[in-house]
Amino acid sequence: MIVVGVDAGLRKLGLAVFHAGELMLCETLRVGGRARGVSAWLLAADAVSAALDGVVPDVLVIERMQLDKRTRGGVVGDVIELSGVVGAIVATVPSAELYSYTPSQWKGSRPKDVEHRYLRRLLRPAELAIVEGAGHDALDAVGIAAHYLRSTIPQSRWIR
């Protein structure tokens, strides 16, 4: 089973690919730049398609953004814009089962740096080499996919 985790963004996004529970790819993709609207959506979808390089995921897991009382002004517009990016990415893999988790669902209340250290402890040496220099967006994608693996594979090493 191939599971792809995505931490979507307007200018960059994290991508992690697992095959049979093993991390095979972890990248931060630069997308969009100053592009907005459909242009940004298509750039993100093209970047994901190119990175997957013909790999067809069985499962696509994407972080779902959430708005709360702390969300202000332009951030709301960015979250709405991000929904187009997510839609374009989902459209690139129509046969995949789709799952999404909010940050609090996949990492709880832990700060990102704490979650990233935890994830690195679970990775095997070959996987650590894959994430080396990948950036926080890519590590978030690993965490998002790992949350899916935890919830669906009994006795997974991803279980907390």
C-alpha atoms as a PDB file:
ATOM      1  CA  MET A   1       0.000   0.000   0.000  1.00  0.00           C
ATOM      2  CA  ILE A   2       1.300   3.447  -0.934  1.00  0.00           C
ATOM      3  CA  VAL A   3       0.384   6.304   1.405  1.00  0.00           C
ATOM      4  CA  VAL A   4       1.162   9.906   0.471  1.00  0.00           C
ATOM      5  CA  GLY A   5       1.118  12.634   3.108  1.00  0.00           C
ATOM      6  CA  VAL A   6       0.816  16.294   2.084  1.00  0.00           C
ATOM      7  CA  ASP A   7       1.292  19.448   4.111  1.00  0.00           C
ATOM      8  CA  ALA A   8      -0.187  21.849   1.560  1.00  0.00           C
ATOM      9  CA  GLY A   9       0.894  25.462   1.219  1.00  0.00           C
ATOM     10  CA  LEU A  10       0.590  28.358  -1.204  1.00  0.00           C
ATOM     11  CA  ARG A  11       4.332  28.787  -1.818  1.00  0.00           C
ATOM     12  CA  LYS A  12       5.711  25.436  -0.733  1.00  0.00           C
ATOM     13  CA  LEU A  13       4.366  22.121   0.405  1.00  0.00           C
ATOM     14  CA  GLY A  14       5.627  19.027   2.140  1.00  0.00           C
ATOM     15  CA  LEU A  15       5.323  15.622   0.534  1.00  0.00           C
ATOM     16  CA  ALA A  16       6.002  12.215   2.091  1.00  0.00           C
ATOM     17  CA  VAL A  17       5.552   8.846   0.395  1.00  0.00           C
ATOM     18  CA  PHE A  18       5.310   5.582   2.332  1.00  0.00           C
ATOM     19  CA  HIS A  19       5.310   2.136   0.764  1.00  0.00           C
ATOM     20  CA  ALA A  20       4.274  -0.722   3.062  1.00  0.00           C
ATOM     21  CA  GLY A  21       4.795   1.563   6.070  1.00  0.00           C
ATOM     22  CA  GLU A  22       8.373   2.514   5.053  1.00  0.00           C
ATOM     23  CA  LEU A  23       9.273   6.100   4.173  1.00  0.00           C
ATOM     24  CA  MET A  24      10.439   6.238   0.555  1.00  0.00           C
ATOM     25  CA  LEU A  25      10.339   9.979  -0.245  1.00  0.00           C
ATOM     26  CA  CYS A  26      10.270  13.170   1.786  1.00  0.00           C
ATOM     27  CA  GLU A  27      10.505  16.533   0.042  1.00  0.00           C
ATOM     28  CA  THR A  28       9.641  20.178   0.362  1.00  0.00           C
ATOM     29  CA  LEU A  29       8.327  21.341  -2.995  1.00  0.00           C
ATOM     30  CA  ARG A  30       8.492  24.991  -4.017  1.00  0.00           C
ATOM     31  CA  VAL A  31       5.231  25.934  -5.680  1.00  0.00           C
ATOM     32  CA  GLY A  32       3.245  28.972  -6.633  1.00  0.00           C
ATOM     33  CA  GLY A  33       5.660  31.796  -5.848  1.00  0.00           C
ATOM     34  CA  ARG A  34       3.444  34.827  -6.178  1.00  0.00           C
ATOM     35  CA  ALA A  35       0.877  32.999  -8.283  1.00  0.00           C
ATOM     36  CA  ARG A  36      -2.689  33.087  -7.040  1.00  0.00           C
ATOM     37  CA  GLY A  37      -5.922  31.427  -7.999  1.00  0.00           C
ATOM     38  CA  VAL A  38      -5.999  28.722 -10.617  1.00  0.00           C
ATOM     39  CA  SER A  39      -2.338  29.331 -11.540  1.00  0.00           C
ATOM     40  CA  ALA A  40      -1.185  28.507  -8.000  1.00  0.00           C
ATOM     41  CA  TRP A  41      -3.467  25.487  -7.866  1.00  0.00           C
ATOM     42  CA  LEU A  42      -2.098  24.075 -11.121  1.00  0.00           C
ATOM     43  CA  LEU A  43       1.528  24.734 -10.112  1.00  0.00           C
ATOM     44  CA  ALA A  44       0.988  22.800  -6.872  1.00  0.00           C
ATOM     45  CA  ALA A  45      -0.716  19.908  -8.659  1.00  0.00           C
ATOM     46  CA  ASP A  46       2.064  19.777 -11.279  1.00  0.00           C
ATOM     47  CA  ALA A  47       4.756  19.787  -8.571  1.00  0.00           C
ATOM     48  CA  VAL A  48       3.105  16.886  -6.737  1.00  0.00           C
ATOM     49  CA  SER A  49       2.635  14.911  -9.970  1.00  0.00           C
ATOM     50  CA  ALA A  50       6.283  15.448 -10.920  1.00  0.00           C
ATOM     51  CA  ALA A  51       7.535  14.415  -7.465  1.00  0.00           C
ATOM     52  CA  LEU A  52       5.387  11.271  -7.487  1.00  0.00           C
ATOM     53  CA  ASP A  53       6.891  10.431 -10.897  1.00  0.00           C
ATOM     54  CA  GLY A  54       4.265   7.892 -11.858  1.00  0.00           C
ATOM     55  CA  VAL A  55       3.700   6.490  -8.357  1.00  0.00           C
ATOM     56  CA  VAL A  56      -0.038   5.992  -7.841  1.00  0.00           C
ATOM     57  CA  PRO A  57      -1.001   6.316  -4.179  1.00  0.00           C
ATOM     58  CA  ASP A  58      -3.633   4.136  -2.611  1.00  0.00           C
ATOM     59  CA  VAL A  59      -4.184   6.717   0.129  1.00  0.00           C
ATOM     60  CA  LEU A  60      -3.739  10.496   0.102  1.00  0.00           C
ATOM     61  CA  VAL A  61      -3.584  12.178   3.514  1.00  0.00           C
ATOM     62  CA  ILE A  62      -3.680  15.986   3.616  1.00  0.00           C
ATOM     63  CA  GLU A  63      -3.532  18.389   6.525  1.00  0.00           C
ATOM     64  CA  ARG A  64      -6.847  20.198   6.928  1.00  0.00           C
ATOM     65  CA  MET A  65      -6.443  23.808   7.977  1.00  0.00           C
ATOM     66  CA  GLN A  66      -8.681  25.149  10.659  1.00  0.00           C
ATOM     67  CA  LEU A  67      -9.820  28.644  11.485  1.00  0.00           C
ATOM     68  CA  ASP A  68     -10.306  29.703  15.069  1.00  0.00           C
ATOM     69  CA  LYS A  69     -10.725  32.893  17.075  1.00  0.00           C
ATOM     70  CA  ARG A  70      -7.006  33.699  16.676  1.00  0.00           C
ATOM     71  CA  THR A  71      -7.254  33.717  12.869  1.00  0.00           C
ATOM     72  CA  ARG A  72      -7.015  37.227  11.492  1.00  0.00           C
ATOM     73  CA  GLY A  73      -7.529  39.111   8.237  1.00  0.00           C
ATOM     74  CA  GLY A  74      -5.336  37.941   5.368  1.00  0.00           C
ATOM     75  CA  VAL A  75      -4.900  34.497   6.876  1.00  0.00           C
ATOM     76  CA  VAL A  76      -8.554  33.742   6.192  1.00  0.00           C
ATOM     77  CA  GLY A  77      -8.041  34.580   2.518  1.00  0.00           C
ATOM     78  CA  ASP A  78      -4.934  32.380   2.411  1.00  0.00           C
ATOM     79  CA  VAL A  79      -6.836  29.452   3.920  1.00  0.00           C
ATOM     80  CA  ILE A  80      -9.574  29.887   1.324  1.00  0.00           C
ATOM     81  CA  GLU A  81      -6.919  30.055  -1.415  1.00  0.00           C
ATOM     82  CA  LEU A  82      -5.286  26.947   0.029  1.00  0.00           C
ATOM     83  CA  SER A  83      -8.523  25.019  -0.453  1.00  0.00           C
ATOM     84  CA  GLY A  84      -7.999  25.384  -4.206  1.00  0.00           C
ATOM     85  CA  VAL A  85      -4.464  24.017  -3.907  1.00  0.00           C
ATOM     86  CA  VAL A  86      -5.750  21.027  -1.953  1.00  0.00           C
ATOM     87  CA  GLY A  87      -8.499  20.423  -4.503  1.00  0.00           C
ATOM     88  CA  ALA A  88      -6.005  20.472  -7.378  1.00  0.00           C
ATOM     89  CA  ILE A  89      -3.710  18.019  -5.570  1.00  0.00           C
ATOM     90  CA  VAL A  90      -6.609  15.680  -4.832  1.00  0.00           C
ATOM     91  CA  ALA A  91      -7.593  15.802  -8.511  1.00  0.00           C
ATOM     92  CA  THR A  92      -4.128  14.495  -9.518  1.00  0.00           C
ATOM     93  CA  VAL A  93      -4.787  11.158  -7.782  1.00  0.00           C
ATOM     94  CA  PRO A  94      -8.505  10.467  -8.274  1.00  0.00           C
ATOM     95  CA  SER A  95      -8.267   6.784  -7.412  1.00  0.00           C
ATOM     96  CA  ALA A  96      -6.718   7.340  -3.957  1.00  0.00           C
ATOM     97  CA  GLU A  97      -8.716   7.154  -0.737  1.00  0.00           C
ATOM     98  CA  LEU A  98      -8.684  10.610   0.808  1.00  0.00           C
ATOM     99  CA  TYR A  99      -8.121  11.416   4.486  1.00  0.00           C
ATOM    100  CA  SER A 100      -7.481  14.737   6.182  1.00  0.00           C
ATOM    101  CA  TYR A 101      -6.475  15.683   9.693  1.00  0.00           C
ATOM    102  CA  THR A 102      -6.224  19.009  11.459  1.00  0.00           C
ATOM    103  CA  PRO A 103      -2.896  19.841  13.122  1.00  0.00           C
ATOM    104  CA  SER A 104      -4.374  19.068  16.534  1.00  0.00           C
ATOM    105  CA  GLN A 105      -5.511  15.644  15.290  1.00  0.00           C
ATOM    106  CA  TRP A 106      -2.154  14.527  13.899  1.00  0.00           C
ATOM    107  CA  LYS A 107       0.229  16.098  16.431  1.00  0.00           C
ATOM    108  CA  GLY A 108      -1.931  16.983  19.386  1.00  0.00           C
ATOM    109  CA  SER A 109      -0.848  20.075  21.283  1.00  0.00           C
ATOM    110  CA  ARG A 110       2.875  19.382  20.826  1.00  0.00           C
ATOM    111  CA  PRO A 111       4.920  22.149  19.195  1.00  0.00           C
ATOM    112  CA  LYS A 112       6.245  21.213  15.749  1.00  0.00           C
ATOM    113  CA  ASP A 113       9.863  20.945  16.889  1.00  0.00           C
ATOM    114  CA  VAL A 114       8.878  18.439  19.596  1.00  0.00           C
ATOM    115  CA  GLU A 115       6.802  16.422  17.110  1.00  0.00           C
ATOM    116  CA  HIS A 116       9.642  16.456  14.576  1.00  0.00           C
ATOM    117  CA  ARG A 117      12.121  15.132  17.160  1.00  0.00           C
ATOM    118  CA  TYR A 118       9.652  12.382  18.047  1.00  0.00           C
ATOM    119  CA  LEU A 119       9.205  11.419  14.388  1.00  0.00           C
ATOM    120  CA  ARG A 120      12.972  11.298  13.831  1.00  0.00           C
ATOM    121  CA  ARG A 121      13.289   8.813  16.720  1.00  0.00           C
ATOM    122  CA  LEU A 122      10.844   6.480  14.942  1.00  0.00           C
ATOM    123  CA  LEU A 123      12.667   6.600  11.615  1.00  0.00           C
ATOM    124  CA  ARG A 124      15.082   3.888  10.585  1.00  0.00           C
ATOM    125  CA  PRO A 125      18.608   4.878   9.426  1.00  0.00           C
ATOM    126  CA  ALA A 126      17.731   4.769   5.715  1.00  0.00           C
ATOM    127  CA  GLU A 127      14.642   6.906   6.397  1.00  0.00           C
ATOM    128  CA  LEU A 128      16.676   9.419   8.402  1.00  0.00           C
ATOM    129  CA  ALA A 129      18.855   9.866   5.327  1.00  0.00           C
ATOM    130  CA  ILE A 130      15.720  10.574   3.283  1.00  0.00           C
ATOM    131  CA  VAL A 131      14.489  13.326   5.646  1.00  0.00           C
ATOM    132  CA  GLU A 132      17.920  14.928   6.034  1.00  0.00           C
ATOM    133  CA  GLY A 133      17.559  18.572   4.994  1.00  0.00           C
ATOM    134  CA  ALA A 134      13.955  18.103   3.898  1.00  0.00           C
ATOM    135  CA  GLY A 135      12.525  21.037   5.871  1.00  0.00           C
ATOM    136  CA  HIS A 136       9.678  21.382   8.334  1.00  0.00           C
ATOM    137  CA  ASP A 137       6.915  21.134   5.701  1.00  0.00           C
ATOM    138  CA  ALA A 138       8.213  17.735   4.583  1.00  0.00           C
ATOM    139  CA  LEU A 139       8.474  16.529   8.186  1.00  0.00           C
ATOM    140  CA  ASP A 140       4.895  17.668   8.739  1.00  0.00           C
ATOM    141  CA  ALA A 141       3.893  15.529   5.736  1.00  0.00           C
ATOM    142  CA  VAL A 142       5.660  12.574   7.395  1.00  0.00           C
ATOM    143  CA  GLY A 143       3.721  13.250  10.597  1.00  0.00           C
ATOM    144  CA  ILE A 144       0.408  13.531   8.776  1.00  0.00           C
ATOM    145  CA  ALA A 145       0.954  10.220   6.953  1.00  0.00           C
ATOM    146  CA  ALA A 146       2.283   8.583  10.140  1.00  0.00           C
ATOM    147  CA  HIS A 147      -0.952   9.557  11.892  1.00  0.00           C
ATOM    148  CA  TYR A 148      -2.897   7.703   9.215  1.00  0.00           C
ATOM    149  CA  LEU A 149      -0.587   4.677   9.566  1.00  0.00           C
ATOM    150  CA  ARG A 150      -1.049   4.735  13.370  1.00  0.00           C
ATOM    151  CA  SER A 151      -4.797   4.737  13.011  1.00  0.00           C
ATOM    152  CA  THR A 152      -5.016   1.936  10.436  1.00  0.00           C
ATOM    153  CA  ILE A 153      -2.161  -0.511  11.032  1.00  0.00           C
ATOM    154  CA  PRO A 154      -2.312  -2.387  14.340  1.00  0.00           C
ATOM    155  CA  GLN A 155       1.066  -2.762  16.048  1.00  0.00           C
ATOM    156  CA  SER A 156       2.664  -0.212  13.708  1.00  0.00           C
ATOM    157  CA  ARG A 157       5.953   1.314  14.813  1.00  0.00           C
ATOM    158  CA  TRP A 158       4.152   4.641  14.420  1.00  0.00           C
ATOM    159  CA  ILE A 159       1.961   3.921  17.433  1.00  0.00           C
ATOM    160  CA  ARG A 160       2.748   6.280  20.308  1.00  0.00           C
END
